Protein backbone atom coordinates (compact mmCIF):
# COMPACT_ATOMS: atom_id res chain seq x y z
CA MET A 1 112.30 112.88 82.40
CA THR A 2 115.63 112.27 80.67
CA PRO A 3 118.01 110.20 82.81
CA VAL A 4 121.21 111.94 83.87
CA LEU A 5 123.06 108.76 82.94
CA SER A 6 121.84 106.14 80.49
CA VAL A 7 123.93 103.03 79.78
CA ARG A 8 122.84 100.40 77.27
CA GLY A 9 124.38 96.99 76.49
CA LEU A 10 127.82 97.84 77.87
CA ASP A 11 130.42 95.10 77.36
CA LYS A 12 134.08 95.01 78.39
CA ARG A 13 136.48 92.08 78.33
CA PHE A 14 140.12 91.74 79.30
CA GLY A 15 141.14 88.56 77.51
CA ALA A 16 139.03 85.78 79.02
CA VAL A 17 137.88 87.98 81.90
CA VAL A 18 134.40 89.45 81.50
CA ALA A 19 134.42 92.81 83.33
CA ALA A 20 131.10 94.07 81.97
CA ASP A 21 128.40 91.87 80.44
CA ALA A 22 125.55 93.70 78.67
CA LEU A 23 125.16 96.30 81.42
CA SER A 24 122.12 98.56 81.11
CA ILE A 25 121.13 101.16 83.68
CA ASP A 26 119.40 104.54 83.88
CA VAL A 27 120.12 106.98 86.71
CA ALA A 28 117.52 109.67 87.36
CA PRO A 29 118.38 113.23 88.42
CA GLY A 30 118.97 113.59 92.14
CA GLN A 31 119.33 109.89 92.91
CA LYS A 32 121.90 108.54 95.36
CA VAL A 33 122.87 105.18 93.89
CA SER A 34 125.26 102.73 95.54
CA LEU A 35 127.15 100.13 93.50
CA ILE A 36 127.96 97.02 95.52
CA GLY A 37 129.76 93.78 94.76
CA ALA A 38 132.83 91.76 95.67
CA ASN A 39 136.26 92.81 94.41
CA GLY A 40 136.43 92.16 90.68
CA ALA A 41 132.66 92.21 90.22
CA GLY A 42 132.84 95.04 87.68
CA LYS A 43 131.98 98.15 89.70
CA THR A 44 135.19 100.08 89.09
CA THR A 45 135.27 98.99 85.44
CA PHE A 46 131.78 100.47 85.09
CA VAL A 47 132.90 103.75 86.71
CA ASN A 48 136.02 103.87 84.53
CA MET A 49 133.96 103.43 81.36
CA VAL A 50 131.44 106.10 82.35
CA THR A 51 134.26 108.58 83.08
CA GLY A 52 136.23 107.85 79.89
CA TYR A 53 139.18 106.06 81.46
CA LEU A 54 138.21 102.83 79.69
CA LYS A 55 136.49 102.38 76.34
CA PRO A 56 133.70 99.77 76.18
CA ASP A 57 133.94 96.99 73.61
CA ARG A 58 130.32 97.69 72.71
CA GLY A 59 127.31 99.54 74.04
CA SER A 60 126.42 103.18 74.62
CA ILE A 61 126.83 105.72 77.41
CA ALA A 62 124.81 108.95 77.43
CA LEU A 63 124.82 111.94 79.77
CA ASP A 64 121.59 113.94 79.56
CA GLY A 65 120.95 112.24 76.23
CA ILE A 66 124.38 113.12 74.78
CA ASP A 67 126.63 110.22 73.73
CA ILE A 68 129.87 110.26 75.73
CA GLY A 69 131.04 106.69 75.09
CA SER A 70 134.03 107.76 72.99
CA GLY A 71 134.96 110.80 75.06
CA SER A 72 138.23 111.35 76.92
CA PRO A 73 138.19 111.78 80.71
CA ARG A 74 138.71 115.53 80.24
CA SER A 75 135.85 115.93 77.77
CA VAL A 76 133.54 113.81 79.95
CA ALA A 77 134.39 116.01 82.94
CA ARG A 78 133.63 119.17 80.96
CA LEU A 79 130.21 117.79 80.04
CA GLY A 80 129.32 117.26 83.71
CA ILE A 81 130.72 114.06 85.24
CA SER A 82 133.24 114.24 88.07
CA ARG A 83 134.76 111.49 90.17
CA SER A 84 136.83 110.84 93.24
CA PHE A 85 139.19 107.91 93.64
CA GLN A 86 139.60 105.17 96.22
CA ILE A 87 143.13 106.49 96.77
CA PRO A 88 142.90 110.32 96.85
CA GLN A 89 144.62 112.00 93.91
CA LEU A 90 146.23 114.97 95.64
CA PHE A 91 149.38 117.08 95.52
CA ILE A 92 150.89 115.82 98.73
CA ASP A 93 153.23 118.78 99.34
CA LEU A 94 150.57 121.45 98.77
CA THR A 95 148.06 122.58 101.36
CA ALA A 96 144.40 121.58 101.22
CA ALA A 97 143.51 125.08 99.99
CA GLU A 98 146.23 125.01 97.34
CA ASN A 99 144.96 121.66 96.03
CA LEU A 100 141.46 123.12 95.68
CA THR A 101 142.80 126.29 94.06
CA VAL A 102 144.72 124.27 91.47
CA ALA A 103 141.55 122.29 90.74
CA VAL A 104 139.50 125.49 90.37
CA SER A 105 142.17 126.95 88.08
CA GLY A 106 142.15 123.84 85.89
CA ALA A 107 138.37 123.78 85.67
CA SER A 108 138.24 127.49 84.78
CA ALA A 109 140.78 127.39 81.98
CA SER A 110 139.61 126.56 78.47
CA ALA A 111 142.79 124.51 78.07
CA PRO A 112 145.48 123.42 80.56
CA SER A 113 148.16 126.06 80.98
CA LEU A 114 151.17 126.34 83.27
CA HIS A 115 150.88 130.09 82.86
CA SER A 116 147.37 130.34 84.27
CA PRO A 117 147.74 132.06 87.67
CA ALA A 118 146.38 129.74 90.34
CA GLN A 119 145.47 132.73 92.51
CA ALA A 120 143.40 134.51 89.83
CA HIS A 121 140.42 136.51 91.07
CA GLY A 122 137.73 134.39 92.64
CA ARG A 123 139.55 131.08 92.56
CA HIS A 124 140.84 131.20 96.12
CA ASP A 125 137.34 132.21 97.28
CA LYS A 126 135.83 129.19 95.50
CA ALA A 127 138.41 126.89 97.10
CA SER A 128 137.64 128.33 100.53
CA GLU A 129 133.90 127.94 99.97
CA LEU A 130 134.28 124.28 99.09
CA LEU A 131 136.51 123.55 102.06
CA GLY A 132 133.93 125.26 104.27
CA ARG A 133 131.16 123.04 102.89
CA PHE A 134 133.11 119.97 103.96
CA GLY A 135 133.91 121.40 107.39
CA LEU A 136 137.60 121.63 106.47
CA ALA A 137 138.26 125.34 106.86
CA HIS A 138 140.49 124.62 109.86
CA VAL A 139 142.90 122.52 107.76
CA ALA A 140 142.97 124.84 104.73
CA ASP A 141 146.60 125.88 105.29
CA ARG A 142 147.95 122.50 106.33
CA PRO A 143 149.95 120.39 103.86
CA VAL A 144 148.08 117.32 102.66
CA SER A 145 151.00 115.21 103.93
CA GLU A 146 149.93 116.11 107.49
CA LEU A 147 146.27 115.21 107.06
CA ALA A 148 144.60 111.98 108.15
CA GLY A 149 143.32 109.57 105.49
CA GLY A 150 139.68 110.48 106.01
CA VAL A 151 140.40 114.19 105.64
CA ARG A 152 142.40 113.57 102.46
CA LYS A 153 139.40 111.68 101.13
CA LEU A 154 137.16 114.70 101.75
CA VAL A 155 139.63 117.05 100.05
CA ASP A 156 139.65 114.74 97.01
CA ILE A 157 135.84 114.75 96.88
CA ALA A 158 135.80 118.53 97.28
CA MET A 159 138.05 118.76 94.22
CA ALA A 160 135.54 116.66 92.27
CA LEU A 161 132.85 119.25 93.04
CA VAL A 162 134.79 122.13 91.51
CA ARG A 163 132.97 121.83 88.17
CA ARG A 164 129.52 121.59 89.82
CA PRO A 165 128.93 118.24 88.09
CA LYS A 166 125.60 116.82 87.02
CA LEU A 167 126.84 113.37 88.08
CA LEU A 168 129.32 112.71 90.88
CA LEU A 169 130.97 109.28 91.01
CA LEU A 170 132.64 108.32 94.29
CA ASP A 171 134.90 105.27 94.59
CA GLU A 172 134.60 103.96 98.16
CA PRO A 173 134.22 107.34 99.90
CA THR A 174 134.59 105.83 103.39
CA SER A 175 137.43 103.36 102.76
CA GLY A 176 140.34 103.99 105.10
CA VAL A 177 138.07 105.91 107.47
CA SER A 178 137.69 104.66 111.03
CA ALA A 179 134.41 103.07 112.10
CA GLU A 180 133.80 106.01 114.43
CA GLU A 181 134.21 108.53 111.61
CA LYS A 182 132.50 106.82 108.66
CA PHE A 183 129.04 108.29 109.23
CA VAL A 184 130.47 111.75 109.98
CA THR A 185 132.46 111.55 106.73
CA MET A 186 129.46 110.52 104.63
CA ASP A 187 127.24 113.13 106.32
CA ARG A 188 129.74 115.79 105.26
CA VAL A 189 129.76 114.51 101.69
CA ILE A 190 125.95 114.50 101.37
CA HIS A 191 125.71 117.95 102.99
CA ALA A 192 128.43 119.38 100.73
CA VAL A 193 126.89 118.03 97.51
CA ALA A 194 123.35 119.19 98.34
CA PRO A 195 123.71 122.86 97.20
CA ASP A 196 124.59 121.73 93.66
CA ALA A 197 121.86 119.03 93.60
CA ALA A 198 124.29 116.63 91.97
CA THR A 199 123.28 113.05 91.30
CA ILE A 200 125.58 110.68 93.22
CA VAL A 201 126.73 107.18 92.30
CA PHE A 202 129.06 105.67 94.89
CA VAL A 203 130.92 102.38 95.10
CA GLU A 204 130.80 101.04 98.64
CA HIS A 205 131.59 97.84 100.57
CA ASP A 206 130.17 98.97 103.92
CA MET A 207 126.54 97.88 104.01
CA ASP A 208 125.78 100.24 106.92
CA ILE A 209 126.75 103.16 104.68
CA VAL A 210 124.81 101.70 101.75
CA SER A 211 121.59 101.20 103.71
CA ARG A 212 121.75 104.62 105.36
CA TYR A 213 122.66 106.86 102.42
CA ALA A 214 121.56 105.18 99.17
CA ASP A 215 118.02 105.42 97.85
CA ARG A 216 118.87 102.81 95.22
CA VAL A 217 121.36 99.92 95.17
CA VAL A 218 122.80 98.18 92.12
CA ALA A 219 124.54 94.86 92.86
CA PHE A 220 127.25 93.51 90.55
CA TYR A 221 128.57 89.97 90.16
CA SER A 222 130.99 88.75 87.45
CA GLY A 223 130.38 91.82 85.32
CA ARG A 224 126.59 91.50 85.50
CA ILE A 225 123.91 93.38 87.40
CA ILE A 226 122.17 90.80 89.61
CA ALA A 227 119.85 93.16 91.51
CA ASP A 228 118.69 96.76 91.22
CA GLY A 229 116.23 98.56 93.49
CA ASN A 230 115.69 100.06 96.91
CA PRO A 231 118.26 99.10 99.58
CA ASP A 232 115.97 96.88 101.66
CA HIS A 233 114.91 94.86 98.63
CA VAL A 234 118.39 94.46 97.14
CA LEU A 235 120.17 93.66 100.40
CA ARG A 236 117.67 90.88 101.08
CA ASP A 237 117.93 89.42 97.58
CA ALA A 238 119.09 85.78 97.67
CA GLU A 239 121.78 86.24 94.99
CA VAL A 240 123.10 89.39 96.67
CA ARG A 241 123.30 87.61 100.01
CA ARG A 242 125.13 84.72 98.38
CA TYR A 243 127.59 86.61 96.18
CA VAL A 244 127.97 90.03 97.78
CA THR A 245 127.10 90.30 101.46
CA GLY A 246 127.78 86.71 102.46
CA GLY A 247 124.44 86.32 104.18
CA ALA A 248 124.81 89.57 106.14
CA ARG A 249 121.65 91.40 107.16
């Protein structure tokens, strides 16, 4: 079976700082993979290279066997990779439904156009369907500026699903969410993604979320992968306990 994502020998340096050191990883279809590591370990650099926001110094990145290492973020998205951000990228003065409708309009157009009517046939229905998947129908007509941080996060992730991606990359999907709401939030994400059978790779610092929702964990340290496997194995690894979890678990 061809991996959805295949990365080989990925290097990235910023001056003397090594952000990625010969990273190699395959992600199989349907996996839920969590990337863990301290701040600066290389997780976000990895995500930025896979999504075209950063170009690797060397190495290859393939989606379904197609080389995407030199692609722009827009071309990578068209091929089937979507992402959300740690800080939601939303139009703050628009409603939740309007944000989704703009995203649907952009995904539907062959090229960006200010003249493309955001309310074209079917686009509002798609936005409503996505909001419903995330349990957000009740906030559809509320401006994003009025929404709590956790709800904004879900709207941002809903926007990433507009293209029905093969690979969904989530940057700390539960950051800024209260302890009481973190499992509810992640449950909604997993439920919403399920109909499209997207493969999920998510960056996460909360080990409770990692152990509950990931079926595979990849641990980063100083731009290297120091452990890769099932959550129980990785979270008990001596190097992971020393450099990532601080002896937790």
